[in-house]
């Protein structure tokens, strides 16, 4: 897997800036694109897969029930890991692991801040609006 800086793509006829592109190298020129679009912002997260196992891993990552519950929890307001852990009854360690994975995928943003009382450094997370588009045509062109 390769993390890119910026790419410009065209999506539905409009130029789109790809800020955090997680690119899985495809074999033999068979690049199939799965887009994770941030709504209301002209930014596109592009994940390229070329094989059935790569696509399966991606969909399994996004299909994890606990990751989805975390995304739902921080969809409308930012929270720090302990708040999420207590709300969802998931261990804080696992919440931190999932938040870091989601942040690397560009589905979550994190901001570190010092709280006033008591003075603590906390990392607050918020879900990034996105859409996942997987086409049957892209699946048909993947390699076994």
C-alpha atoms as a PDB file:
ATOM      1  CA  UNK A   1       0.000   0.000   0.000  1.00  0.00           C
ATOM      2  CA  UNK A   2       1.246   3.466  -0.898  1.00  0.00           C
ATOM      3  CA  UNK A   3       0.009   6.730   0.604  1.00  0.00           C
ATOM      4  CA  UNK A   4      -0.074   9.581  -1.937  1.00  0.00           C
ATOM      5  CA  UNK A   5      -0.060  13.319  -1.295  1.00  0.00           C
ATOM      6  CA  UNK A   6      -2.289  14.948  -3.904  1.00  0.00           C
ATOM      7  CA  UNK A   7      -3.823  13.818  -7.174  1.00  0.00           C
ATOM      8  CA  UNK A   8      -6.328  15.536  -9.413  1.00  0.00           C
ATOM      9  CA  UNK A   9      -9.031  13.318 -10.840  1.00  0.00           C
ATOM     10  CA  UNK A  10     -12.252  13.890 -12.726  1.00  0.00           C
ATOM     11  CA  UNK A  11     -15.420  12.557 -11.101  1.00  0.00           C
ATOM     12  CA  UNK A  12     -18.757  13.044 -12.872  1.00  0.00           C
ATOM     13  CA  UNK A  13     -17.160  15.648 -15.125  1.00  0.00           C
ATOM     14  CA  UNK A  14     -15.790  17.818 -12.287  1.00  0.00           C
ATOM     15  CA  UNK A  15     -12.137  18.055 -11.228  1.00  0.00           C
ATOM     16  CA  UNK A  16     -11.582  16.579  -7.785  1.00  0.00           C
ATOM     17  CA  UNK A  17      -8.520  16.923  -5.547  1.00  0.00           C
ATOM     18  CA  UNK A  18      -7.371  13.691  -3.965  1.00  0.00           C
ATOM     19  CA  UNK A  19      -5.663  14.703  -0.703  1.00  0.00           C
ATOM     20  CA  UNK A  20      -4.978  11.350   0.937  1.00  0.00           C
ATOM     21  CA  UNK A  21      -4.898   8.644  -1.678  1.00  0.00           C
ATOM     22  CA  UNK A  22      -4.262   5.170  -0.322  1.00  0.00           C
ATOM     23  CA  UNK A  23      -3.103   3.299  -3.392  1.00  0.00           C
ATOM     24  CA  UNK A  24      -2.776  -0.453  -3.546  1.00  0.00           C
ATOM     25  CA  UNK A  25      -0.503  -1.194  -6.541  1.00  0.00           C
ATOM     26  CA  UNK A  26      -2.338  -3.107  -9.247  1.00  0.00           C
ATOM     27  CA  UNK A  27      -0.821  -5.841 -11.335  1.00  0.00           C
ATOM     28  CA  UNK A  28      -0.511  -5.844 -15.117  1.00  0.00           C
ATOM     29  CA  UNK A  29      -2.299  -2.552 -15.718  1.00  0.00           C
ATOM     30  CA  UNK A  30      -5.589  -3.716 -14.214  1.00  0.00           C
ATOM     31  CA  UNK A  31      -6.337  -0.662 -12.039  1.00  0.00           C
ATOM     32  CA  UNK A  32      -9.874  -0.531 -10.705  1.00  0.00           C
ATOM     33  CA  UNK A  33     -10.958   2.452  -8.645  1.00  0.00           C
ATOM     34  CA  UNK A  34     -13.137   2.547  -5.585  1.00  0.00           C
ATOM     35  CA  UNK A  35     -13.883   6.107  -4.520  1.00  0.00           C
ATOM     36  CA  UNK A  36     -14.572   7.327  -1.029  1.00  0.00           C
ATOM     37  CA  UNK A  37     -15.982  10.810  -1.639  1.00  0.00           C
ATOM     38  CA  UNK A  38     -16.120  13.500   1.001  1.00  0.00           C
ATOM     39  CA  UNK A  39     -19.479  15.215   0.627  1.00  0.00           C
ATOM     40  CA  UNK A  40     -19.684  18.972   0.180  1.00  0.00           C
ATOM     41  CA  UNK A  41     -15.907  19.275  -0.207  1.00  0.00           C
ATOM     42  CA  UNK A  42     -14.154  18.872  -3.524  1.00  0.00           C
ATOM     43  CA  UNK A  43     -11.957  16.078  -2.167  1.00  0.00           C
ATOM     44  CA  UNK A  44     -11.878  12.462  -3.223  1.00  0.00           C
ATOM     45  CA  UNK A  45     -10.337   9.558  -1.375  1.00  0.00           C
ATOM     46  CA  UNK A  46      -9.287   6.981  -3.956  1.00  0.00           C
ATOM     47  CA  UNK A  47      -8.394   3.420  -3.152  1.00  0.00           C
ATOM     48  CA  UNK A  48      -7.211   1.325  -6.068  1.00  0.00           C
ATOM     49  CA  UNK A  49      -7.523  -2.439  -5.949  1.00  0.00           C
ATOM     50  CA  UNK A  50      -6.692  -4.959  -8.631  1.00  0.00           C
ATOM     51  CA  UNK A  51      -7.369  -8.332  -7.040  1.00  0.00           C
ATOM     52  CA  UNK A  52     -10.291 -10.004  -5.322  1.00  0.00           C
ATOM     53  CA  UNK A  53      -8.291 -10.454  -2.052  1.00  0.00           C
ATOM     54  CA  UNK A  54      -7.391  -6.715  -1.948  1.00  0.00           C
ATOM     55  CA  UNK A  55     -11.020  -5.738  -2.538  1.00  0.00           C
ATOM     56  CA  UNK A  56     -12.174  -8.223   0.081  1.00  0.00           C
ATOM     57  CA  UNK A  57      -9.752  -6.793   2.671  1.00  0.00           C
ATOM     58  CA  UNK A  58     -10.951  -3.250   1.954  1.00  0.00           C
ATOM     59  CA  UNK A  59     -14.620  -4.155   2.266  1.00  0.00           C
ATOM     60  CA  UNK A  60     -13.922  -6.193   5.432  1.00  0.00           C
ATOM     61  CA  UNK A  61     -12.159  -3.160   6.941  1.00  0.00           C
ATOM     62  CA  UNK A  62     -15.164  -0.956   6.253  1.00  0.00           C
ATOM     63  CA  UNK A  63     -17.621  -3.716   7.205  1.00  0.00           C
ATOM     64  CA  UNK A  64     -16.355  -4.155  10.767  1.00  0.00           C
ATOM     65  CA  UNK A  65     -19.268  -3.548  13.147  1.00  0.00           C
ATOM     66  CA  UNK A  66     -17.173  -1.846  15.834  1.00  0.00           C
ATOM     67  CA  UNK A  67     -15.526   0.521  13.338  1.00  0.00           C
ATOM     68  CA  UNK A  68     -18.983   1.439  12.014  1.00  0.00           C
ATOM     69  CA  UNK A  69     -20.261   2.063  15.563  1.00  0.00           C
ATOM     70  CA  UNK A  70     -17.259   4.344  16.178  1.00  0.00           C
ATOM     71  CA  UNK A  71     -17.968   6.261  12.940  1.00  0.00           C
ATOM     72  CA  UNK A  72     -21.615   6.636  13.977  1.00  0.00           C
ATOM     73  CA  UNK A  73     -20.589   7.880  17.433  1.00  0.00           C
ATOM     74  CA  UNK A  74     -18.399  10.662  16.026  1.00  0.00           C
ATOM     75  CA  UNK A  75     -20.535  11.515  12.992  1.00  0.00           C
ATOM     76  CA  UNK A  76     -22.139  14.616  14.550  1.00  0.00           C
ATOM     77  CA  UNK A  77     -19.758  15.601  17.337  1.00  0.00           C
ATOM     78  CA  UNK A  78     -16.104  15.157  18.121  1.00  0.00           C
ATOM     79  CA  UNK A  79     -15.083  12.920  20.997  1.00  0.00           C
ATOM     80  CA  UNK A  80     -11.910  11.549  22.489  1.00  0.00           C
ATOM     81  CA  UNK A  81     -11.125   7.841  22.759  1.00  0.00           C
ATOM     82  CA  UNK A  82     -12.238   7.377  26.373  1.00  0.00           C
ATOM     83  CA  UNK A  83     -15.670   8.896  25.660  1.00  0.00           C
ATOM     84  CA  UNK A  84     -16.133   6.572  22.698  1.00  0.00           C
ATOM     85  CA  UNK A  85     -14.887   3.589  24.692  1.00  0.00           C
ATOM     86  CA  UNK A  86     -17.340   4.201  27.540  1.00  0.00           C
ATOM     87  CA  UNK A  87     -20.264   4.974  25.233  1.00  0.00           C
ATOM     88  CA  UNK A  88     -19.810   1.842  23.112  1.00  0.00           C
ATOM     89  CA  UNK A  89     -18.431  -0.509  25.796  1.00  0.00           C
ATOM     90  CA  UNK A  90     -15.330  -1.221  23.708  1.00  0.00           C
ATOM     91  CA  UNK A  91     -11.867  -1.333  25.279  1.00  0.00           C
ATOM     92  CA  UNK A  92      -9.969   1.953  25.049  1.00  0.00           C
ATOM     93  CA  UNK A  93      -7.009   0.167  23.441  1.00  0.00           C
ATOM     94  CA  UNK A  94      -9.193  -1.221  20.657  1.00  0.00           C
ATOM     95  CA  UNK A  95     -10.909   2.142  20.158  1.00  0.00           C
ATOM     96  CA  UNK A  96      -7.492   3.809  19.770  1.00  0.00           C
ATOM     97  CA  UNK A  97      -6.371   1.167  17.253  1.00  0.00           C
ATOM     98  CA  UNK A  98      -9.552   1.567  15.190  1.00  0.00           C
ATOM     99  CA  UNK A  99      -9.398   5.378  15.325  1.00  0.00           C
ATOM    100  CA  UNK A 100      -5.818   5.373  14.036  1.00  0.00           C
ATOM    101  CA  UNK A 101      -6.784   2.989  11.214  1.00  0.00           C
ATOM    102  CA  UNK A 102      -9.800   5.109  10.290  1.00  0.00           C
ATOM    103  CA  UNK A 103      -7.667   8.253  10.390  1.00  0.00           C
ATOM    104  CA  UNK A 104      -5.073   6.678   8.053  1.00  0.00           C
ATOM    105  CA  UNK A 105      -7.899   5.796   5.646  1.00  0.00           C
ATOM    106  CA  UNK A 106      -9.062   9.432   5.714  1.00  0.00           C
ATOM    107  CA  UNK A 107     -12.461   8.594   7.215  1.00  0.00           C
ATOM    108  CA  UNK A 108     -11.732  10.320  10.536  1.00  0.00           C
ATOM    109  CA  UNK A 109      -9.866  13.495  11.450  1.00  0.00           C
ATOM    110  CA  UNK A 110      -8.124  13.934  14.774  1.00  0.00           C
ATOM    111  CA  UNK A 111      -7.135  17.116  16.597  1.00  0.00           C
ATOM    112  CA  UNK A 112      -4.932  17.236  19.706  1.00  0.00           C
ATOM    113  CA  UNK A 113      -5.877  19.804  22.340  1.00  0.00           C
ATOM    114  CA  UNK A 114      -4.975  20.581  25.929  1.00  0.00           C
ATOM    115  CA  UNK A 115      -7.973  20.618  28.253  1.00  0.00           C
ATOM    116  CA  UNK A 116      -8.179  23.198  31.042  1.00  0.00           C
ATOM    117  CA  UNK A 117      -9.277  21.232  34.073  1.00  0.00           C
ATOM    118  CA  UNK A 118      -7.218  19.159  34.688  1.00  0.00           C
ATOM    119  CA  UNK A 119      -4.602  20.077  32.076  1.00  0.00           C
ATOM    120  CA  UNK A 120      -4.454  17.026  29.819  1.00  0.00           C
ATOM    121  CA  UNK A 121      -3.499  16.504  26.177  1.00  0.00           C
ATOM    122  CA  UNK A 122      -6.389  14.780  24.419  1.00  0.00           C
ATOM    123  CA  UNK A 123      -6.931  13.810  20.815  1.00  0.00           C
ATOM    124  CA  UNK A 124     -10.465  14.520  19.629  1.00  0.00           C
ATOM    125  CA  UNK A 125     -11.877  12.653  16.617  1.00  0.00           C
ATOM    126  CA  UNK A 126     -14.639  13.419  14.167  1.00  0.00           C
ATOM    127  CA  UNK A 127     -15.912  11.394  11.200  1.00  0.00           C
ATOM    128  CA  UNK A 128     -15.325  12.823   7.724  1.00  0.00           C
ATOM    129  CA  UNK A 129     -18.441  12.733   5.504  1.00  0.00           C
ATOM    130  CA  UNK A 130     -17.918  10.201   2.711  1.00  0.00           C
ATOM    131  CA  UNK A 131     -19.609   7.934   0.212  1.00  0.00           C
ATOM    132  CA  UNK A 132     -18.352   4.544  -0.875  1.00  0.00           C
ATOM    133  CA  UNK A 133     -18.864   3.621  -4.529  1.00  0.00           C
ATOM    134  CA  UNK A 134     -18.070   0.108  -5.741  1.00  0.00           C
ATOM    135  CA  UNK A 135     -19.090  -0.767  -9.285  1.00  0.00           C
ATOM    136  CA  UNK A 136     -19.862  -4.229 -10.580  1.00  0.00           C
ATOM    137  CA  UNK A 137     -17.715  -3.417 -13.619  1.00  0.00           C
ATOM    138  CA  UNK A 138     -14.707  -2.806 -11.350  1.00  0.00           C
ATOM    139  CA  UNK A 139     -15.316  -6.100  -9.558  1.00  0.00           C
ATOM    140  CA  UNK A 140     -15.548  -7.984 -12.876  1.00  0.00           C
ATOM    141  CA  UNK A 141     -12.151  -6.640 -13.952  1.00  0.00           C
ATOM    142  CA  UNK A 142     -10.270  -7.635 -10.798  1.00  0.00           C
ATOM    143  CA  UNK A 143      -7.843 -10.526 -10.896  1.00  0.00           C
ATOM    144  CA  UNK A 144      -8.273 -13.656  -8.828  1.00  0.00           C
END
